[in-house]
Amino acid sequence: MTLKSKPIISLVKYPILTEKTIQLLQSNQYSFAVDKNATKISIKAAIEELFDVRVVAVNTSLQPLKRRRVGRYMGQKSRHKRAIV
């Protein structure tokens, strides 16, 4: 299964480890940074194939765009999509 000719393994980038996500581990919920264009269905299929588990639900959120200044230039911090599985 691919998303616009990307392999399924490239949908999941890395796990997100913060205080909140570590608390979610106690209730068997795991957080991953995923591709920005990934859908819930493709995220579910990728997690089930990579980790050989059954996914009950997928919640996603797109982080807000943050502005940063470098000298006199204004830039934007890159966004990522978070999936809680």
Protein backbone atom coordinates (compact mmCIF):
# COMPACT_ATOMS: atom_id res chain seq x y z
CA MET A 1 0.00 0.00 0.00
CA THR A 2 1.39 3.38 -0.92
CA LEU A 3 0.46 7.01 -0.54
CA LYS A 4 1.26 8.82 -3.79
CA SER A 5 3.99 6.30 -4.67
CA LYS A 6 5.62 6.43 -1.20
CA PRO A 7 6.33 3.14 0.54
CA ILE A 8 4.28 2.42 3.64
CA ILE A 9 7.35 2.43 5.89
CA SER A 10 8.04 6.11 5.12
CA LEU A 11 4.64 7.23 6.47
CA VAL A 12 5.76 6.82 10.09
CA LYS A 13 8.77 9.06 10.77
CA TYR A 14 9.61 8.72 14.48
CA PRO A 15 7.94 8.29 17.88
CA ILE A 16 7.12 11.43 19.86
CA LEU A 17 8.25 11.30 23.48
CA THR A 18 6.97 14.06 25.75
CA GLU A 19 5.53 14.03 29.26
CA LYS A 20 2.01 13.76 27.88
CA THR A 21 2.81 10.92 25.50
CA ILE A 22 4.65 8.99 28.21
CA GLN A 23 1.48 9.18 30.33
CA LEU A 24 -0.49 7.89 27.33
CA LEU A 25 1.76 4.81 27.22
CA GLN A 26 0.08 3.56 30.40
CA SER A 27 -3.21 3.32 28.52
CA ASN A 28 -1.52 1.65 25.47
CA GLN A 29 -1.65 4.77 23.29
CA TYR A 30 1.43 5.55 21.23
CA SER A 31 2.33 8.82 19.46
CA PHE A 32 4.18 9.05 16.17
CA ALA A 33 5.17 11.84 13.82
CA VAL A 34 3.78 10.88 10.45
CA ASP A 35 3.80 12.22 6.90
CA LYS A 36 1.76 15.41 6.56
CA ASN A 37 -0.36 13.98 3.73
CA ALA A 38 -1.06 10.63 5.41
CA THR A 39 -4.67 9.68 6.12
CA LYS A 40 -5.97 7.82 9.16
CA ILE A 41 -6.56 4.70 7.10
CA SER A 42 -3.01 4.66 5.72
CA ILE A 43 -1.54 5.37 9.18
CA LYS A 44 -3.53 2.47 10.62
CA ALA A 45 -2.33 0.13 7.87
CA ALA A 46 1.30 1.23 8.32
CA ILE A 47 1.29 0.74 12.10
CA GLU A 48 -0.38 -2.67 11.82
CA GLU A 49 2.15 -3.82 9.22
CA LEU A 50 5.26 -2.41 10.92
CA PHE A 51 4.57 -3.46 14.50
CA ASP A 52 2.26 -6.48 13.93
CA VAL A 53 -0.48 -5.14 16.22
CA ARG A 54 -4.20 -4.47 15.91
CA VAL A 55 -5.01 -0.74 15.91
CA VAL A 56 -8.29 0.23 17.56
CA ALA A 57 -8.36 3.95 16.68
CA VAL A 58 -6.18 6.66 15.15
CA ASN A 59 -6.34 10.31 16.22
CA THR A 60 -4.39 12.88 14.23
CA SER A 61 -3.51 16.53 14.71
CA LEU A 62 -1.54 18.93 12.56
CA GLN A 63 0.73 21.12 14.66
CA PRO A 64 0.31 24.89 14.18
CA LEU A 65 2.80 26.84 12.10
CA LYS A 66 5.29 28.72 14.30
CA ARG A 67 7.18 31.81 13.15
CA ARG A 68 10.86 32.24 13.99
CA ARG A 69 13.21 35.15 13.44
CA VAL A 70 16.80 34.64 12.32
CA GLY A 71 18.47 38.02 12.26
CA ARG A 72 16.27 40.29 10.17
CA TYR A 73 14.57 37.45 8.34
CA MET A 74 11.29 35.91 9.42
CA GLY A 75 10.93 32.21 8.81
CA GLN A 76 8.63 29.38 9.74
CA LYS A 77 9.33 26.29 11.77
CA SER A 78 8.46 23.10 9.93
CA ARG A 79 5.17 21.41 10.77
CA HIS A 80 4.52 17.77 11.46
CA LYS A 81 1.45 15.67 11.85
CA ARG A 82 1.01 13.76 15.10
CA ALA A 83 -0.84 10.46 15.18
CA ILE A 84 -1.97 8.91 18.47
CA VAL A 85 -2.61 5.21 17.94
